[in-house]
Amino acid sequence: MPDTEAARHFVTVSVDDPAALRLLAQRGLDLFPSTAKETDGGAAIDGYLRDSEITALTDSGHDVLVHPDVEAAPLEVAPEPGERTLAVGPEAAVPPGYQASYHFERLIQDMAQALPDTLSRVRLPEPSVQGKPISALRMRGGTRADRPGVILMAGAHARELMNPELLYNWIFRVAHCLSSETAVNYPAVVYQHGTIRMLVDNLDIFVVPMVNPDGRDIVMSAEHLRMWRGNSSGVDLNRNYDFLFDSGIGTSTDPASEVYRGPHAFSEPETRNIRWLLDTFPHVVAVLDLHSYSELILHPWGDDDNQTTDPAQNFRVPNPDRGVPNDGRYREYIPEGDLNWFVRAGNRMRDMIMKQHGRPYAVQQSVGLYPTTATIDDYTFSRHFVNPGLKKVRTFCIETGKPPVGGDVLGAFQPPYEDARKVIEEVGPAVVEFLLEIYCPTGPDSLLLQEADEVLARHMGASRELYDGLVSHGPAILRALGDDPRARVKATIALKRLTESARLEHDPVLESDVAEKLAEAATAIGEAVPEALSLLKEFAARTERAAGQRISAALS
């Protein structure tokens, strides 16, 4: 196990060449991959190292800046929650401060009992190493049979106390909204009940707020254990998945290392639970994993730079040059459509985070300058490539928070709760936007949209710019339709009529009642999507003028 008694310091390690960061990764040090950056003299990365590790690095010729030790603020522990009924609202029922692991289990049980028609507890098959239960809260309403599944998770790294609290808060806000039919309010955005109901009625959402309960309780048990990273066996759970596990890139085989990957992939019950979710619910198509820190939104791959042109250059083929970003010799294949989706969805979450308190998160590939392997995001995304019969699972990792000025690294993982509340208010809306992005392009509604898109694409002329503009606002428009059931019904009926006609005739007539319904739907939701209002008005006007014409003429 890692030596928790030795003095440790917050440091910045500098190297002469970005490629040299790979050599640092082989040392099994507690370095923070998301902090790796290029500098005028090469590259640098932050970490939390013992005196002996600092000495070894300086003896190897590395420049190690040891930041002044800062006395960490005492850990703010939450009081026992009072009445946790949905009637009291999030402000009263979600206590300020950090909570022990059992509070998360109690929350899941309470919410499942409060709304049994929509929320249920899924007890994961294996308890933690120390025998603690681990559960997911399943959010699934309505009667729709064919729907995409999503996993939201946090708490894999024990010291990152803030992110389970974020999902705890998010769960209660959503449950309160569903129960009271009121809105979910954040500082700069309001999600009406119709939007939240639309998501739970059309998605299958599994929330695992506490992946690593043993680790969390270790961190909260003593001051000198507040930087504990792994589970109670000392395994870094986000280096224990089956993706290039044996490569050694960004992991360690040393049980004393903070990035100890474990004896074999899925050696730990906590990671086997996540695999069980994916295997048991094969309709899962997306995962959002919350970590700290760096204010980044990360997407695959994490082992090397991405490329979209050479499918033969991929993780299933051994390559000695893998794991050295920016060298140009090896790059990991990712389909262009997937990369475009990651960028679009990531930018949407980034923009919503920015709106709340002005924090500028960045969207980027996981590898950055410091490669890692055996992580949840790469494992979930890789499953479809290994077995094409499985659904593709697109996964993001959000790295929340940053250290405060002065170098208190604990302030990035366990900030004063008032600061943590700001992160909760920032990233909570991003979770909703992530779900909206998943809902928009998947499921039966997506088949309808795709078929309509194919019909329109056959004849698209001068209306291309208008069409592309509406597509770019797709999730916001969909959200507005969810809040206005009448408008949504009109749009759905109109698109179904259009696609049915197109099956019978290559260039169908845009019937008057179809045009009327489309125009009315666009007009109805225009005020709810101010950023697309002018486009929706133009769409409504053109559609009304095109009634009775062939599609080709209407789009010319």
Protein backbone atom coordinates (compact mmCIF):
# COMPACT_ATOMS: atom_id res chain seq x y z
CA MET A 1 0.00 0.00 0.00
CA PRO A 2 1.13 3.60 -0.45
CA ASP A 3 3.11 5.02 2.43
CA THR A 4 0.67 7.40 4.08
CA GLU A 5 3.00 8.42 6.90
CA ALA A 6 5.81 9.96 4.82
CA ALA A 7 5.73 13.73 4.30
CA ARG A 8 4.46 14.70 0.87
CA HIS A 9 4.52 17.96 -1.04
CA PHE A 10 2.67 19.59 -3.90
CA VAL A 11 5.18 19.87 -6.76
CA THR A 12 5.57 20.80 -10.41
CA VAL A 13 7.94 18.56 -12.36
CA SER A 14 9.50 19.99 -15.54
CA VAL A 15 11.07 18.03 -18.40
CA ASP A 16 12.99 19.16 -21.47
CA ASP A 17 10.80 17.33 -23.99
CA PRO A 18 7.05 16.55 -23.84
CA ALA A 19 7.86 12.96 -24.84
CA ALA A 20 9.86 12.62 -21.60
CA LEU A 21 6.61 12.68 -19.65
CA ARG A 22 6.17 9.05 -20.72
CA LEU A 23 9.27 8.15 -18.72
CA LEU A 24 7.78 9.84 -15.68
CA ALA A 25 4.67 7.72 -16.13
CA GLN A 26 6.79 4.59 -15.75
CA ARG A 27 7.89 5.65 -12.26
CA GLY A 28 4.47 5.11 -10.70
CA LEU A 29 4.35 8.58 -9.18
CA ASP A 30 1.29 10.43 -7.95
CA LEU A 31 1.25 12.87 -10.85
CA PHE A 32 -1.95 14.47 -12.12
CA PRO A 33 -2.25 13.67 -15.86
CA SER A 34 -4.77 16.41 -16.58
CA THR A 35 -2.27 19.06 -15.43
CA ALA A 36 0.40 18.15 -18.01
CA LYS A 37 1.19 21.11 -20.26
CA GLU A 38 3.76 22.34 -22.70
CA THR A 39 6.13 25.07 -21.54
CA ASP A 40 8.74 27.27 -23.22
CA GLY A 41 11.40 24.81 -22.10
CA GLY A 42 9.54 21.55 -22.69
CA ALA A 43 6.67 20.32 -20.53
CA ALA A 44 5.53 20.24 -16.92
CA ILE A 45 3.12 18.31 -14.71
CA ASP A 46 1.85 18.72 -11.15
CA GLY A 47 1.93 16.02 -8.52
CA TYR A 48 2.01 15.11 -4.84
CA LEU A 49 5.31 13.46 -3.98
CA ARG A 50 7.29 12.16 -1.03
CA ASP A 51 10.73 13.54 -0.21
CA SER A 52 12.42 10.38 -1.51
CA GLU A 53 10.58 10.66 -4.83
CA ILE A 54 11.56 14.30 -5.19
CA THR A 55 15.20 13.41 -4.53
CA ALA A 56 15.11 10.61 -7.10
CA LEU A 57 13.71 12.94 -9.74
CA THR A 58 16.25 15.69 -9.11
CA ASP A 59 19.05 13.10 -9.16
CA SER A 60 17.77 12.09 -12.61
CA GLY A 61 18.17 15.65 -13.84
CA HIS A 62 14.56 16.76 -13.61
CA ASP A 63 13.58 20.18 -12.33
CA VAL A 64 11.20 19.79 -9.39
CA LEU A 65 9.55 22.90 -8.01
CA VAL A 66 8.32 22.22 -4.49
CA HIS A 67 5.48 24.56 -3.69
CA PRO A 68 5.40 25.95 -0.15
CA ASP A 69 3.46 23.72 2.18
CA VAL A 70 0.07 25.24 2.92
CA GLU A 71 -1.94 24.26 5.92
CA ALA A 72 -5.09 22.70 4.55
CA ALA A 73 -8.42 23.87 5.80
CA PRO A 74 -10.15 21.39 8.12
CA LEU A 75 -12.43 18.99 6.31
CA GLU A 76 -16.01 20.18 6.53
CA VAL A 77 -18.08 17.16 7.52
CA ALA A 78 -21.81 17.33 6.90
CA PRO A 79 -24.21 16.99 9.80
CA GLU A 80 -26.58 14.07 9.80
CA PRO A 81 -29.28 15.01 7.30
CA GLY A 82 -32.65 15.79 8.73
CA GLU A 83 -35.85 14.73 7.08
CA ARG A 84 -34.88 13.66 3.56
CA THR A 85 -38.33 13.78 2.05
CA LEU A 86 -38.84 15.32 -1.35
CA ALA A 87 -41.31 17.80 0.08
CA VAL A 88 -38.62 19.82 1.86
CA GLY A 89 -36.65 20.67 -1.28
CA PRO A 90 -32.95 20.40 -2.11
CA GLU A 91 -31.79 23.34 0.01
CA ALA A 92 -33.05 21.80 3.25
CA ALA A 93 -32.50 18.13 2.50
CA VAL A 94 -28.94 18.24 1.12
CA PRO A 95 -26.68 19.10 4.05
CA PRO A 96 -23.60 21.29 3.54
CA GLY A 97 -20.32 19.46 4.01
CA TYR A 98 -18.82 16.12 3.01
CA GLN A 99 -20.67 12.94 3.85
CA ALA A 100 -19.57 9.41 4.74
CA SER A 101 -20.27 6.70 2.19
CA TYR A 102 -23.37 5.31 3.87
CA HIS A 103 -25.25 8.57 3.28
CA PHE A 104 -25.16 7.89 -0.46
CA GLU A 105 -26.70 4.45 0.00
CA ARG A 106 -29.40 5.96 2.20
CA LEU A 107 -30.14 8.62 -0.40
CA ILE A 108 -30.63 6.01 -3.11
CA GLN A 109 -32.93 3.97 -0.89
CA ASP A 110 -34.94 7.04 0.16
CA MET A 111 -35.39 8.31 -3.39
CA ALA A 112 -36.43 4.86 -4.66
CA GLN A 113 -39.04 4.62 -1.90
CA ALA A 114 -40.30 8.15 -2.55
CA LEU A 115 -40.84 7.72 -6.33
CA PRO A 116 -41.14 3.97 -6.99
CA ASP A 117 -42.75 4.49 -10.41
CA THR A 118 -39.70 6.35 -11.72
CA LEU A 119 -36.75 5.67 -9.41
CA SER A 120 -35.41 2.32 -8.26
CA ARG A 121 -32.36 1.00 -6.46
CA VAL A 122 -30.06 -1.31 -8.40
CA ARG A 123 -27.83 -3.00 -5.84
CA LEU A 124 -24.59 -3.80 -7.63
CA PRO A 125 -23.57 -7.45 -7.31
CA GLU A 126 -20.37 -7.04 -5.31
CA PRO A 127 -19.78 -5.15 -2.08
CA SER A 128 -16.58 -3.19 -1.65
CA VAL A 129 -13.39 -4.85 -0.42
CA GLN A 130 -14.49 -4.03 3.13
CA GLY A 131 -18.00 -5.32 2.53
CA LYS A 132 -19.91 -2.07 2.02
CA PRO A 133 -22.90 -2.16 -0.35
CA ILE A 134 -22.63 -0.20 -3.62
CA SER A 135 -25.76 0.80 -5.49
CA ALA A 136 -26.99 2.71 -8.51
CA LEU A 137 -30.13 4.81 -8.61
CA ARG A 138 -32.04 3.96 -11.76
CA MET A 139 -34.15 6.73 -13.31
CA ARG A 140 -36.63 5.31 -15.79
CA GLY A 141 -40.18 6.55 -16.28
CA GLY A 142 -42.89 6.24 -18.88
CA THR A 143 -43.66 3.24 -21.07
CA ARG A 144 -41.08 3.51 -23.83
CA ALA A 145 -39.45 0.12 -24.32
CA ASP A 146 -36.57 0.94 -26.64
CA ARG A 147 -34.43 3.61 -25.03
CA PRO A 148 -30.72 4.37 -24.65
CA GLY A 149 -29.04 3.88 -21.30
CA VAL A 150 -26.60 6.24 -19.59
CA ILE A 151 -24.29 5.79 -16.58
CA LEU A 152 -23.35 8.76 -14.38
CA MET A 153 -20.63 7.96 -11.84
CA ALA A 154 -18.25 9.54 -9.37
CA GLY A 155 -15.99 8.76 -6.45
CA ALA A 156 -13.58 6.25 -8.02
CA HIS A 157 -10.65 8.20 -6.57
CA ALA A 158 -11.13 8.42 -2.84
CA ARG A 159 -9.68 11.87 -2.23
CA GLU A 160 -11.94 13.51 -4.82
CA LEU A 161 -14.70 14.12 -2.29
CA MET A 162 -16.51 16.85 -4.20
CA ASN A 163 -17.87 14.84 -7.13
CA PRO A 164 -20.04 12.33 -5.23
CA GLU A 165 -21.56 15.34 -3.49
CA LEU A 166 -22.28 16.81 -6.91
CA LEU A 167 -24.24 13.72 -7.97
CA TYR A 168 -25.95 13.53 -4.56
CA ASN A 169 -27.17 17.08 -5.07
CA TRP A 170 -28.12 16.40 -8.69
CA ILE A 171 -30.13 13.31 -7.77
CA PHE A 172 -32.14 15.20 -5.18
CA ARG A 173 -32.82 18.14 -7.49
CA VAL A 174 -34.12 15.82 -10.22
CA ALA A 175 -36.18 13.73 -7.80
CA HIS A 176 -37.71 16.85 -6.25
CA CYS A 177 -38.56 18.17 -9.72
CA LEU A 178 -40.29 14.91 -10.66
CA SER A 179 -42.18 14.75 -7.39
CA SER A 180 -43.35 18.35 -7.17
CA GLU A 181 -43.54 19.07 -10.92
CA THR A 182 -41.40 22.14 -10.37
CA ALA A 183 -38.31 23.29 -12.23
CA VAL A 184 -34.65 22.48 -11.52
CA ASN A 185 -32.99 25.84 -10.93
CA TYR A 186 -29.33 26.65 -11.37
CA PRO A 187 -27.74 30.14 -11.33
CA ALA A 188 -27.99 30.74 -15.08
CA VAL A 189 -30.38 28.09 -16.38
CA VAL A 190 -33.77 26.66 -15.46
CA TYR A 191 -34.84 23.18 -16.56
CA GLN A 192 -38.60 22.94 -16.51
CA HIS A 193 -40.38 19.85 -15.27
CA GLY A 194 -41.26 18.90 -18.84
CA THR A 195 -37.59 18.70 -19.81
CA ILE A 196 -36.64 16.51 -16.85
CA ARG A 197 -39.68 14.32 -17.36
CA MET A 198 -38.80 13.98 -21.04
CA LEU A 199 -35.33 12.71 -20.13
CA VAL A 200 -36.43 10.13 -17.57
CA ASP A 201 -39.24 8.95 -19.83
CA ASN A 202 -36.93 8.44 -22.80
CA LEU A 203 -33.60 7.45 -21.25
CA ASP A 204 -32.53 4.77 -18.78
CA ILE A 205 -30.25 6.64 -16.36
CA PHE A 206 -28.06 4.80 -13.84
CA VAL A 207 -26.41 7.06 -11.25
CA VAL A 208 -23.54 5.58 -9.20
CA PRO A 209 -22.53 8.47 -6.93
CA MET A 210 -20.19 6.38 -4.76
CA VAL A 211 -18.03 3.93 -6.71
CA ASN A 212 -15.40 3.57 -3.96
CA PRO A 213 -17.01 3.76 -0.50
CA ASP A 214 -14.02 2.26 1.33
CA GLY A 215 -11.67 4.85 -0.08
CA ARG A 216 -13.96 7.72 0.84
CA ASP A 217 -14.26 6.55 4.42
CA ILE A 218 -10.48 6.17 4.64
CA VAL A 219 -10.03 9.78 3.51
CA MET A 220 -12.55 11.03 6.04
CA SER A 221 -11.15 8.97 8.90
CA ALA A 222 -7.91 10.86 9.57
CA GLU A 223 -6.11 14.06 8.57
CA HIS A 224 -2.99 12.25 7.30
CA LEU A 225 -5.13 10.08 4.95
CA ARG A 226 -6.87 12.89 3.09
CA MET A 227 -4.83 12.29 -0.09
CA TRP A 228 -5.65 8.56 -0.27
CA ARG A 229 -6.43 7.71 -3.90
CA GLY A 230 -7.30 4.05 -4.27
CA ASN A 231 -9.69 1.55 -2.77
CA SER A 232 -8.94 -0.15 0.55
CA SER A 233 -6.53 -2.51 -1.24
CA GLY A 234 -4.55 0.47 -2.52
CA VAL A 235 -5.57 -0.11 -6.16
CA ASP A 236 -6.18 2.90 -8.37
CA LEU A 237 -9.61 1.96 -9.67
CA ASN A 238 -9.23 4.15 -12.74
CA ARG A 239 -6.22 2.06 -13.79
CA ASN A 240 -7.93 -1.31 -13.27
CA TYR A 241 -10.04 -1.59 -16.45
CA ASP A 242 -9.27 -3.84 -19.40
CA PHE A 243 -7.81 -1.39 -21.89
CA LEU A 244 -4.09 -1.86 -22.69
CA PHE A 245 -3.81 -3.07 -19.10
CA ASP A 246 -0.48 -4.83 -19.62
CA SER A 247 1.12 -1.92 -21.49
CA GLY A 248 2.24 -0.17 -18.31
CA ILE A 249 1.49 3.22 -19.84
CA GLY A 250 0.64 5.57 -16.98
CA THR A 251 0.23 2.75 -14.46
CA SER A 252 2.38 0.81 -12.01
CA THR A 253 2.77 -2.81 -10.93
CA ASP A 254 4.11 -1.66 -7.54
CA PRO A 255 1.50 -1.99 -4.78
CA ALA A 256 3.18 0.96 -3.04
CA SER A 257 2.46 3.24 -6.00
CA GLU A 258 -0.45 5.66 -6.02
CA VAL A 259 -1.26 4.48 -9.55
CA TYR A 260 -1.05 0.76 -8.77
CA ARG A 261 -3.19 -0.93 -11.40
CA GLY A 262 -3.83 -4.11 -9.42
CA PRO A 263 -2.72 -7.68 -10.17
CA HIS A 264 -4.95 -7.96 -13.25
CA ALA A 265 -7.74 -6.11 -15.04
CA PHE A 266 -10.95 -6.07 -13.01
CA SER A 267 -9.19 -7.47 -9.97
CA GLU A 268 -11.32 -5.15 -7.80
CA PRO A 269 -15.01 -5.56 -6.95
CA GLU A 270 -15.63 -1.85 -7.53
CA THR A 271 -14.57 -1.99 -11.20
CA ARG A 272 -16.32 -5.33 -11.71
CA ASN A 273 -19.53 -3.61 -10.64
CA ILE A 274 -19.22 -1.07 -13.45
CA ARG A 275 -18.50 -3.85 -15.94
CA TRP A 276 -21.60 -5.66 -14.65
CA LEU A 277 -23.74 -2.60 -15.37
CA LEU A 278 -22.46 -2.48 -18.94
CA ASP A 279 -22.95 -6.22 -19.48
CA THR A 280 -26.35 -6.41 -17.79
CA PHE A 281 -27.79 -3.36 -19.52
CA PRO A 282 -26.41 -3.58 -23.07
CA HIS A 283 -28.48 -0.60 -24.18
CA VAL A 284 -26.09 1.74 -22.33
CA VAL A 285 -24.59 4.09 -24.92
CA ALA A 286 -22.84 6.72 -22.81
CA VAL A 287 -20.96 7.22 -19.55
CA LEU A 288 -20.08 10.40 -17.67
CA ASP A 289 -17.37 9.95 -15.03
CA LEU A 290 -16.59 12.79 -12.64
CA HIS A 291 -13.05 13.38 -11.31
CA SER A 292 -10.85 16.20 -10.04
CA TYR A 293 -9.03 18.34 -10.93
CA SER A 294 -8.13 20.80 -13.77
CA GLU A 295 -11.45 22.13 -15.12
CA LEU A 296 -11.32 19.91 -18.19
CA ILE A 297 -13.84 17.91 -20.21
CA LEU A 298 -11.94 14.89 -21.53
CA HIS A 299 -12.81 12.31 -24.18
CA PRO A 300 -10.97 9.22 -25.56
CA TRP A 301 -8.35 8.21 -26.26
CA GLY A 302 -5.92 8.42 -23.34
CA ASP A 303 -3.03 6.31 -24.61
CA ASP A 304 -1.88 8.43 -27.57
CA ASP A 305 -2.91 11.16 -30.00
CA ASN A 306 -6.08 10.67 -32.05
CA GLN A 307 -6.35 10.25 -35.84
CA THR A 308 -9.35 9.55 -38.06
CA THR A 309 -7.81 8.17 -41.27
CA ASP A 310 -6.04 4.86 -40.50
CA PRO A 311 -8.26 2.23 -38.82
CA ALA A 312 -5.39 -0.26 -38.84
CA GLN A 313 -3.50 1.83 -36.30
CA ASN A 314 -5.48 0.93 -33.20
CA PHE A 315 -5.13 -0.38 -29.65
CA ARG A 316 -5.62 -4.03 -30.70
CA VAL A 317 -2.40 -3.99 -32.72
CA PRO A 318 0.89 -3.98 -30.72
CA ASN A 319 3.05 -0.98 -31.46
CA PRO A 320 6.29 0.03 -29.69
CA ASP A 321 5.63 3.72 -30.36
CA ARG A 322 2.29 3.79 -28.54
CA GLY A 323 2.17 6.06 -25.51
CA VAL A 324 4.34 8.97 -26.68
CA PRO A 325 2.03 11.88 -27.56
CA ASN A 326 3.14 14.40 -30.16
CA ASP A 327 5.85 12.18 -31.63
CA GLY A 328 3.95 11.58 -34.90
CA ARG A 329 4.87 7.88 -35.06
CA TYR A 330 1.76 6.32 -33.58
CA ARG A 331 -1.73 7.75 -33.26
CA GLU A 332 -4.88 6.03 -32.03
CA TYR A 333 -7.75 5.62 -34.53
CA ILE A 334 -11.09 7.19 -33.72
CA PRO A 335 -13.94 7.40 -36.26
CA GLU A 336 -14.50 10.95 -37.42
CA GLY A 337 -18.18 10.83 -36.51
CA ASP A 338 -17.35 9.90 -32.94
CA LEU A 339 -14.74 12.62 -32.65
CA ASN A 340 -17.17 15.21 -33.98
CA TRP A 341 -19.78 14.08 -31.47
CA PHE A 342 -17.31 14.32 -28.59
CA VAL A 343 -16.33 17.83 -29.60
CA ARG A 344 -19.93 18.97 -30.04
CA ALA A 345 -21.21 17.45 -26.81
CA GLY A 346 -18.14 18.58 -24.89
CA ASN A 347 -18.52 22.14 -26.12
CA ARG A 348 -22.15 22.14 -25.07
CA MET A 349 -21.25 21.09 -21.52
CA ARG A 350 -18.39 23.59 -21.45
CA ASP A 351 -20.63 26.46 -22.51
CA MET A 352 -23.23 25.61 -19.87
CA ILE A 353 -20.59 25.42 -17.13
CA MET A 354 -19.26 28.81 -18.21
CA LYS A 355 -22.72 30.38 -17.94
CA GLN A 356 -23.09 29.56 -14.25
CA HIS A 357 -20.09 31.26 -12.59
CA GLY A 358 -17.81 32.10 -15.50
CA ARG A 359 -15.33 29.26 -15.08
CA PRO A 360 -13.69 28.39 -18.43
CA TYR A 361 -13.44 24.61 -18.70
CA ALA A 362 -11.58 23.25 -21.74
CA VAL A 363 -12.60 20.34 -23.99
CA GLN A 364 -9.74 18.09 -25.06
CA GLN A 365 -8.62 14.54 -25.73
CA SER A 366 -7.76 12.59 -22.57
CA VAL A 367 -4.15 11.95 -23.48
CA GLY A 368 -3.07 15.59 -23.31
CA LEU A 369 0.69 15.25 -22.91
CA TYR A 370 0.64 12.46 -20.35
CA PRO A 371 -0.69 9.09 -21.52
CA THR A 372 -2.71 6.74 -19.34
CA THR A 373 -4.27 3.31 -19.82
CA ALA A 374 -6.79 0.99 -18.13
CA THR A 375 -9.18 3.89 -17.52
CA ILE A 376 -12.98 3.77 -17.54
CA ASP A 377 -13.41 6.13 -20.50
CA ASP A 378 -11.11 4.19 -22.82
CA TYR A 379 -12.42 0.80 -21.67
CA THR A 380 -16.07 1.64 -22.24
CA PHE A 381 -15.38 3.25 -25.62
CA SER A 382 -13.18 0.33 -26.72
CA ARG A 383 -15.74 -2.42 -26.09
CA HIS A 384 -17.55 -1.89 -29.39
CA PHE A 385 -14.27 -2.02 -31.34
CA VAL A 386 -13.38 -5.34 -29.72
CA ASN A 387 -16.89 -6.74 -30.20
CA PRO A 388 -18.93 -4.92 -32.87
CA GLY A 389 -22.03 -6.66 -31.56
CA LEU A 390 -21.96 -4.39 -28.52
CA LYS A 391 -23.29 -0.86 -28.60
CA LYS A 392 -20.79 1.95 -28.86
CA VAL A 393 -20.40 3.61 -25.46
CA ARG A 394 -19.21 7.20 -25.69
CA THR A 395 -17.62 8.34 -22.44
CA PHE A 396 -16.55 11.67 -21.01
CA CYS A 397 -14.48 12.40 -17.95
CA ILE A 398 -15.03 15.81 -16.38
CA GLU A 399 -12.18 17.02 -14.17
CA THR A 400 -13.80 19.46 -11.77
CA GLY A 401 -12.14 22.25 -9.81
CA LYS A 402 -8.66 23.72 -9.43
CA PRO A 403 -6.36 24.44 -6.49
CA PRO A 404 -6.89 27.88 -4.95
CA VAL A 405 -4.18 30.49 -5.27
CA GLY A 406 -1.39 29.56 -2.90
CA GLY A 407 -0.97 25.90 -3.83
CA ASP A 408 -3.27 24.08 -1.40
CA VAL A 409 -3.71 20.96 -3.51
CA LEU A 410 -6.33 19.58 -1.14
CA GLY A 411 -8.39 22.61 -2.07
CA ALA A 412 -8.81 21.11 -5.55
CA PHE A 413 -10.07 17.76 -4.26
CA GLN A 414 -11.82 18.82 -1.05
CA PRO A 415 -12.47 22.57 -1.25
CA PRO A 416 -14.31 24.48 1.45
CA TYR A 417 -17.91 23.48 0.96
CA GLU A 418 -18.96 26.92 -0.20
CA ASP A 419 -16.51 26.54 -3.09
CA ALA A 420 -17.71 22.99 -3.69
CA ARG A 421 -21.25 24.32 -3.93
CA LYS A 422 -20.20 26.54 -6.84
CA VAL A 423 -18.80 23.50 -8.67
CA ILE A 424 -22.04 21.63 -7.95
CA GLU A 425 -23.97 24.54 -9.47
CA GLU A 426 -21.66 24.63 -12.52
CA VAL A 427 -21.43 20.96 -13.41
CA GLY A 428 -24.98 19.95 -12.48
CA PRO A 429 -26.38 21.71 -15.58
CA ALA A 430 -23.64 20.10 -17.70
CA VAL A 431 -24.96 16.69 -16.62
CA VAL A 432 -28.42 17.65 -17.90
CA GLU A 433 -26.92 18.90 -21.18
CA PHE A 434 -25.02 15.63 -21.53
CA LEU A 435 -28.29 13.70 -21.20
CA LEU A 436 -29.98 15.97 -23.73
CA GLU A 437 -27.17 15.27 -26.21
CA ILE A 438 -27.64 11.52 -25.68
CA TYR A 439 -31.39 11.75 -26.11
CA CYS A 440 -31.23 13.88 -29.24
CA PRO A 441 -29.43 11.46 -31.60
CA THR A 442 -30.60 8.06 -30.29
CA GLY A 443 -33.65 5.84 -30.09
CA PRO A 444 -36.87 5.76 -32.16
CA ASP A 445 -37.12 9.55 -32.29
CA SER A 446 -33.67 9.56 -33.77
CA LEU A 447 -34.72 7.07 -36.44
CA LEU A 448 -37.51 9.44 -37.40
CA LEU A 449 -35.13 12.40 -37.46
CA GLN A 450 -32.56 10.44 -39.44
CA GLU A 451 -35.13 9.35 -42.01
CA ALA A 452 -36.42 12.92 -42.33
CA ASP A 453 -32.84 14.12 -42.70
CA GLU A 454 -32.27 11.66 -45.54
CA VAL A 455 -35.39 12.92 -47.32
CA LEU A 456 -34.33 16.54 -46.97
CA ALA A 457 -30.70 15.84 -47.90
CA ARG A 458 -31.77 14.44 -51.29
CA HIS A 459 -33.12 17.82 -52.29
CA MET A 460 -31.24 20.32 -50.18
CA GLY A 461 -30.43 23.51 -52.08
CA ALA A 462 -30.37 27.11 -50.90
CA SER A 463 -31.91 26.12 -47.56
CA ARG A 464 -28.72 24.35 -46.46
CA GLU A 465 -27.49 27.21 -44.28
CA LEU A 466 -30.83 27.46 -42.48
CA TYR A 467 -30.96 23.70 -41.98
CA ASP A 468 -27.41 23.50 -40.60
CA GLY A 469 -28.18 26.32 -38.22
CA LEU A 470 -31.22 24.51 -36.83
CA VAL A 471 -29.23 21.27 -36.44
CA SER A 472 -26.58 23.11 -34.43
CA HIS A 473 -29.30 24.07 -31.93
CA GLY A 474 -30.83 20.60 -31.96
CA PRO A 475 -30.63 19.77 -28.22
CA ALA A 476 -32.03 23.15 -27.17
CA ILE A 477 -34.88 22.82 -29.66
CA LEU A 478 -35.55 19.30 -28.43
CA ARG A 479 -35.62 20.52 -24.84
CA ALA A 480 -38.13 23.21 -25.79
CA LEU A 481 -40.31 20.62 -27.53
CA GLY A 482 -40.17 18.53 -24.35
CA ASP A 483 -41.53 21.48 -22.40
CA ASP A 484 -44.33 21.99 -24.94
CA PRO A 485 -46.01 18.61 -25.57
CA ARG A 486 -48.46 20.05 -28.11
CA ALA A 487 -45.67 21.45 -30.24
CA ARG A 488 -43.77 18.18 -29.97
CA VAL A 489 -46.80 16.14 -31.10
CA LYS A 490 -47.30 18.44 -34.08
CA ALA A 491 -43.64 18.14 -35.10
CA THR A 492 -43.65 14.36 -34.71
CA ILE A 493 -46.84 13.89 -36.72
CA ALA A 494 -45.58 16.16 -39.47
CA LEU A 495 -42.22 14.37 -39.77
CA LYS A 496 -43.90 10.96 -39.79
CA ARG A 497 -46.23 12.08 -42.60
CA LEU A 498 -43.29 13.49 -44.54
CA THR A 499 -41.18 10.33 -44.25
CA GLU A 500 -44.13 8.07 -45.08
CA SER A 501 -44.75 10.06 -48.26
CA ALA A 502 -41.06 9.87 -49.14
CA ARG A 503 -41.13 6.08 -48.94
CA LEU A 504 -43.74 6.10 -51.72
CA GLU A 505 -42.36 8.91 -53.83
CA HIS A 506 -38.81 10.19 -54.32
CA ASP A 507 -39.81 13.86 -54.32
CA PRO A 508 -43.05 14.07 -52.33
CA VAL A 509 -45.35 17.05 -52.04
CA LEU A 510 -45.18 18.99 -48.76
CA GLU A 511 -48.87 18.76 -47.90
CA SER A 512 -50.55 21.82 -46.45
CA ASP A 513 -51.43 20.29 -43.08
CA VAL A 514 -47.87 18.93 -42.69
CA ALA A 515 -46.40 22.35 -43.45
CA GLU A 516 -48.86 23.95 -41.05
CA LYS A 517 -47.91 21.63 -38.18
CA LEU A 518 -44.17 22.18 -38.74
CA ALA A 519 -44.62 25.94 -38.85
CA GLU A 520 -46.79 25.94 -35.73
CA ALA A 521 -44.29 23.82 -33.79
CA ALA A 522 -41.41 26.10 -34.78
CA THR A 523 -43.37 29.21 -33.83
CA ALA A 524 -44.47 27.74 -30.49
CA ILE A 525 -40.96 26.99 -29.25
CA GLY A 526 -39.22 30.03 -30.72
CA GLU A 527 -39.36 32.12 -27.53
CA ALA A 528 -37.99 29.20 -25.50
CA VAL A 529 -34.86 29.00 -27.69
CA PRO A 530 -33.82 32.64 -28.04
CA GLU A 531 -30.48 31.73 -29.60
CA ALA A 532 -32.38 30.04 -32.47
CA LEU A 533 -35.40 32.35 -32.59
CA SER A 534 -34.52 34.02 -35.89
CA LEU A 535 -33.81 30.64 -37.50
CA LEU A 536 -37.09 29.19 -36.26
CA LYS A 537 -39.02 32.21 -37.56
CA GLU A 538 -37.40 31.87 -40.95
CA PHE A 539 -38.11 28.12 -40.95
CA ALA A 540 -41.79 28.73 -40.12
CA ALA A 541 -42.13 31.35 -42.85
CA ARG A 542 -40.45 29.22 -45.52
CA THR A 543 -42.48 26.17 -44.54
CA GLU A 544 -45.77 28.04 -44.82
CA ARG A 545 -44.77 29.37 -48.26
CA ALA A 546 -43.77 25.89 -49.42
CA ALA A 547 -47.12 24.22 -48.68
CA GLY A 548 -48.33 22.25 -51.71
CA GLN A 549 -44.91 22.25 -53.43
CA ARG A 550 -42.53 19.38 -54.09
CA ILE A 551 -39.78 19.07 -51.45
CA SER A 552 -37.16 19.85 -54.08
CA ALA A 553 -38.90 23.14 -54.92
CA ALA A 554 -39.42 24.01 -51.27
CA LEU A 555 -35.71 23.58 -50.50
CA SER A 556 -34.35 25.18 -53.65
